[in-house]
Amino acid sequence: MTNTLPEKRLLFAVLSRAIVDATDLSVDNLENTEWHHKARRWISSHTHIPMSFEWICEAIDLNPEVLRKLILDSTSIGAYTIKNG
C-alpha cells in the first residue's frame, strides 16, 4: 500500500478502524459499546453514498459483500465461543 493515493490510504484507515471497533469483543465501557454497535450498523448498511461501507470498499477495490460477511460472521462466532466457551 506504499504507492497508493493519500485518499485511498485515508479510506483504508477509516475501514480499518471500523473493523477494529466492530470486532472488539472486549467492550468494557459505555463509550466503547456505543462505537462497537455503530461500527456494526455501518458495516451492515447497504447504502451506497459517499463514505458508506460499500462506497469505501469499492473505492479501495474490495468486495463489500465478502468483507461484510467475513467481519460479521467472525464476530458472531467469537461472541458465541466466548459466551458459551
N, C-alpha and C. Protein backbone atom coordinates (compact mmCIF):
# COMPACT_ATOMS: atom_id res chain seq x y z
N MET A 1 0.82 -1.19 0.00
CA MET A 1 0.00 0.00 0.00
C MET A 1 0.87 1.26 0.00
N THR A 2 2.14 1.11 -0.27
CA THR A 2 3.04 2.25 -0.23
C THR A 2 2.85 3.21 -1.40
N ASN A 3 2.39 2.74 -2.54
CA ASN A 3 2.23 3.58 -3.71
C ASN A 3 0.79 4.02 -3.95
N THR A 4 -0.02 4.04 -2.93
CA THR A 4 -1.42 4.40 -3.11
C THR A 4 -1.61 5.90 -2.92
N LEU A 5 -2.68 6.38 -3.44
CA LEU A 5 -3.04 7.77 -3.26
C LEU A 5 -3.37 8.04 -1.80
N PRO A 6 -3.10 9.25 -1.33
CA PRO A 6 -3.43 9.57 0.07
C PRO A 6 -4.91 9.35 0.38
N GLU A 7 -5.78 9.61 -0.58
CA GLU A 7 -7.21 9.43 -0.35
C GLU A 7 -7.55 7.97 -0.08
N LYS A 8 -6.92 7.07 -0.84
CA LYS A 8 -7.18 5.64 -0.62
C LYS A 8 -6.63 5.19 0.73
N ARG A 9 -5.50 5.74 1.12
CA ARG A 9 -4.94 5.39 2.43
C ARG A 9 -5.87 5.86 3.54
N LEU A 10 -6.47 7.03 3.37
CA LEU A 10 -7.42 7.53 4.35
C LEU A 10 -8.64 6.62 4.41
N LEU A 11 -9.18 6.24 3.27
CA LEU A 11 -10.34 5.35 3.24
C LEU A 11 -10.01 4.01 3.88
N PHE A 12 -8.82 3.50 3.63
CA PHE A 12 -8.39 2.25 4.25
C PHE A 12 -8.32 2.41 5.77
N ALA A 13 -7.83 3.55 6.25
CA ALA A 13 -7.76 3.80 7.69
C ALA A 13 -9.15 3.85 8.31
N VAL A 14 -10.09 4.49 7.63
CA VAL A 14 -11.48 4.55 8.13
C VAL A 14 -12.05 3.14 8.23
N LEU A 15 -11.87 2.36 7.18
CA LEU A 15 -12.37 0.99 7.16
C LEU A 15 -11.71 0.14 8.24
N SER A 16 -10.41 0.28 8.39
CA SER A 16 -9.67 -0.48 9.40
C SER A 16 -10.18 -0.18 10.81
N ARG A 17 -10.41 1.10 11.10
CA ARG A 17 -10.91 1.48 12.43
C ARG A 17 -12.30 0.89 12.67
N ALA A 18 -13.14 0.92 11.66
CA ALA A 18 -14.49 0.36 11.81
C ALA A 18 -14.42 -1.15 12.06
N ILE A 19 -13.51 -1.82 11.39
CA ILE A 19 -13.37 -3.26 11.59
C ILE A 19 -12.91 -3.55 13.02
N VAL A 20 -11.94 -2.79 13.50
CA VAL A 20 -11.48 -2.97 14.88
C VAL A 20 -12.63 -2.74 15.86
N ASP A 21 -13.35 -1.65 15.67
CA ASP A 21 -14.48 -1.35 16.56
C ASP A 21 -15.57 -2.41 16.49
N ALA A 22 -15.86 -2.91 15.30
CA ALA A 22 -16.93 -3.89 15.13
C ALA A 22 -16.56 -5.26 15.67
N THR A 23 -15.29 -5.58 15.68
CA THR A 23 -14.88 -6.92 16.09
C THR A 23 -14.33 -6.98 17.51
N ASP A 24 -14.29 -5.86 18.19
CA ASP A 24 -13.78 -5.83 19.57
C ASP A 24 -14.82 -6.44 20.50
N LEU A 25 -14.50 -7.61 20.99
CA LEU A 25 -15.44 -8.31 21.87
C LEU A 25 -15.18 -8.00 23.34
N SER A 26 -14.25 -7.09 23.60
CA SER A 26 -13.93 -6.76 24.99
C SER A 26 -14.44 -5.37 25.34
N VAL A 27 -15.59 -4.99 24.77
CA VAL A 27 -16.13 -3.67 25.07
C VAL A 27 -16.47 -3.62 26.55
N ASP A 28 -15.79 -2.74 27.26
CA ASP A 28 -15.90 -2.74 28.71
C ASP A 28 -16.50 -1.46 29.29
N ASN A 29 -16.82 -0.52 28.43
CA ASN A 29 -17.47 0.67 28.96
C ASN A 29 -18.49 1.17 27.95
N LEU A 30 -19.32 2.09 28.37
CA LEU A 30 -20.43 2.55 27.54
C LEU A 30 -19.97 3.16 26.23
N GLU A 31 -18.91 3.95 26.26
CA GLU A 31 -18.43 4.59 25.03
C GLU A 31 -17.95 3.54 24.03
N ASN A 32 -17.19 2.57 24.47
CA ASN A 32 -16.72 1.52 23.56
C ASN A 32 -17.88 0.67 23.03
N THR A 33 -18.85 0.39 23.87
CA THR A 33 -20.02 -0.37 23.43
C THR A 33 -20.77 0.39 22.34
N GLU A 34 -20.89 1.70 22.51
CA GLU A 34 -21.58 2.52 21.51
C GLU A 34 -20.83 2.49 20.18
N TRP A 35 -19.51 2.62 20.21
CA TRP A 35 -18.71 2.56 18.97
C TRP A 35 -18.82 1.20 18.32
N HIS A 36 -18.85 0.16 19.14
CA HIS A 36 -18.97 -1.21 18.63
C HIS A 36 -20.28 -1.36 17.84
N HIS A 37 -21.38 -0.90 18.41
CA HIS A 37 -22.68 -1.01 17.74
C HIS A 37 -22.77 -0.11 16.51
N LYS A 38 -22.22 1.09 16.60
CA LYS A 38 -22.23 1.99 15.44
C LYS A 38 -21.43 1.39 14.29
N ALA A 39 -20.28 0.81 14.59
CA ALA A 39 -19.46 0.22 13.54
C ALA A 39 -20.17 -0.95 12.90
N ARG A 40 -20.82 -1.78 13.69
CA ARG A 40 -21.55 -2.93 13.14
C ARG A 40 -22.73 -2.47 12.28
N ARG A 41 -23.43 -1.42 12.70
CA ARG A 41 -24.52 -0.89 11.88
C ARG A 41 -23.99 -0.32 10.57
N TRP A 42 -22.86 0.39 10.62
CA TRP A 42 -22.27 0.98 9.42
C TRP A 42 -21.87 -0.12 8.44
N ILE A 43 -21.24 -1.18 8.95
CA ILE A 43 -20.83 -2.30 8.11
C ILE A 43 -22.04 -3.04 7.56
N SER A 44 -23.09 -3.15 8.33
CA SER A 44 -24.30 -3.87 7.90
C SER A 44 -25.13 -3.09 6.90
N SER A 45 -24.93 -1.80 6.83
CA SER A 45 -25.72 -0.95 5.95
C SER A 45 -25.46 -1.27 4.49
N HIS A 46 -26.50 -1.21 3.69
CA HIS A 46 -26.38 -1.46 2.25
C HIS A 46 -26.54 -0.18 1.44
N THR A 47 -26.31 0.95 2.07
CA THR A 47 -26.37 2.22 1.34
C THR A 47 -25.11 2.39 0.51
N HIS A 48 -25.21 3.17 -0.53
CA HIS A 48 -24.07 3.39 -1.40
C HIS A 48 -23.87 4.89 -1.61
N ILE A 49 -23.68 5.59 -0.50
CA ILE A 49 -23.43 7.02 -0.55
C ILE A 49 -21.97 7.25 -0.17
N PRO A 50 -21.41 8.41 -0.49
CA PRO A 50 -20.01 8.67 -0.13
C PRO A 50 -19.75 8.42 1.36
N MET A 51 -18.68 7.72 1.61
CA MET A 51 -18.19 7.34 2.93
C MET A 51 -19.00 6.21 3.59
N SER A 52 -19.91 5.60 2.86
CA SER A 52 -20.59 4.41 3.39
C SER A 52 -19.62 3.22 3.28
N PHE A 53 -19.93 2.16 3.98
CA PHE A 53 -19.10 0.96 3.94
C PHE A 53 -18.92 0.46 2.51
N GLU A 54 -20.03 0.34 1.79
CA GLU A 54 -19.94 -0.18 0.41
C GLU A 54 -19.14 0.76 -0.49
N TRP A 55 -19.35 2.04 -0.34
CA TRP A 55 -18.64 3.03 -1.16
C TRP A 55 -17.14 2.96 -0.91
N ILE A 56 -16.75 2.88 0.37
CA ILE A 56 -15.33 2.81 0.71
C ILE A 56 -14.72 1.52 0.18
N CYS A 57 -15.40 0.39 0.37
CA CYS A 57 -14.88 -0.89 -0.12
C CYS A 57 -14.62 -0.82 -1.62
N GLU A 58 -15.58 -0.33 -2.35
CA GLU A 58 -15.42 -0.26 -3.80
C GLU A 58 -14.32 0.72 -4.20
N ALA A 59 -14.17 1.81 -3.46
CA ALA A 59 -13.13 2.80 -3.77
C ALA A 59 -11.73 2.23 -3.57
N ILE A 60 -11.59 1.25 -2.68
CA ILE A 60 -10.27 0.65 -2.46
C ILE A 60 -10.21 -0.78 -2.99
N ASP A 61 -11.10 -1.08 -3.93
CA ASP A 61 -11.09 -2.34 -4.67
C ASP A 61 -11.30 -3.58 -3.80
N LEU A 62 -12.23 -3.48 -2.87
CA LEU A 62 -12.62 -4.64 -2.06
C LEU A 62 -14.08 -4.95 -2.33
N ASN A 63 -14.44 -6.21 -2.23
CA ASN A 63 -15.82 -6.63 -2.41
C ASN A 63 -16.55 -6.42 -1.08
N PRO A 64 -17.51 -5.48 -1.01
CA PRO A 64 -18.16 -5.20 0.26
C PRO A 64 -18.95 -6.37 0.83
N GLU A 65 -19.58 -7.16 -0.04
CA GLU A 65 -20.36 -8.30 0.46
C GLU A 65 -19.48 -9.35 1.12
N VAL A 66 -18.37 -9.66 0.48
CA VAL A 66 -17.45 -10.66 1.03
C VAL A 66 -16.85 -10.16 2.35
N LEU A 67 -16.39 -8.91 2.35
CA LEU A 67 -15.79 -8.37 3.57
C LEU A 67 -16.81 -8.26 4.68
N ARG A 68 -18.01 -7.81 4.37
CA ARG A 68 -19.07 -7.72 5.38
C ARG A 68 -19.33 -9.08 6.02
N LYS A 69 -19.45 -10.10 5.21
CA LYS A 69 -19.70 -11.45 5.72
C LYS A 69 -18.56 -11.92 6.61
N LEU A 70 -17.33 -11.69 6.18
CA LEU A 70 -16.17 -12.10 6.99
C LEU A 70 -16.17 -11.40 8.35
N ILE A 71 -16.44 -10.11 8.35
CA ILE A 71 -16.41 -9.34 9.60
C ILE A 71 -17.54 -9.77 10.52
N LEU A 72 -18.75 -9.79 10.01
CA LEU A 72 -19.91 -10.08 10.87
C LEU A 72 -19.94 -11.54 11.30
N ASP A 73 -19.55 -12.46 10.42
CA ASP A 73 -19.50 -13.87 10.81
C ASP A 73 -18.43 -14.12 11.86
N SER A 74 -17.29 -13.48 11.72
CA SER A 74 -16.20 -13.72 12.68
C SER A 74 -16.57 -13.22 14.06
N THR A 75 -17.28 -12.10 14.14
CA THR A 75 -17.65 -11.60 15.46
C THR A 75 -18.77 -12.43 16.06
N SER A 76 -19.66 -12.96 15.26
CA SER A 76 -20.71 -13.81 15.79
C SER A 76 -20.12 -15.09 16.34
N ILE A 77 -19.19 -15.68 15.62
CA ILE A 77 -18.54 -16.90 16.09
C ILE A 77 -17.75 -16.62 17.36
N GLY A 78 -17.02 -15.50 17.36
CA GLY A 78 -16.23 -15.13 18.55
C GLY A 78 -17.10 -14.91 19.76
N ALA A 79 -18.21 -14.22 19.60
CA ALA A 79 -19.10 -13.95 20.71
C ALA A 79 -19.69 -15.25 21.24
N TYR A 80 -20.06 -16.16 20.35
CA TYR A 80 -20.61 -17.44 20.77
C TYR A 80 -19.56 -18.24 21.54
N THR A 81 -18.34 -18.25 21.04
CA THR A 81 -17.27 -19.00 21.69
C THR A 81 -17.00 -18.46 23.08
N ILE A 82 -16.91 -17.17 23.20
CA ILE A 82 -16.61 -16.56 24.49
C ILE A 82 -17.77 -16.75 25.45
N LYS A 83 -18.98 -16.54 24.97
CA LYS A 83 -20.15 -16.63 25.82
C LYS A 83 -20.41 -18.08 26.27
N ASN A 84 -20.24 -19.03 25.37
CA ASN A 84 -20.60 -20.42 25.65
C ASN A 84 -19.40 -21.33 25.84
N GLY A 85 -18.21 -20.74 25.73
CA GLY A 85 -16.94 -21.40 25.75
C GLY A 85 -16.79 -22.56 26.56
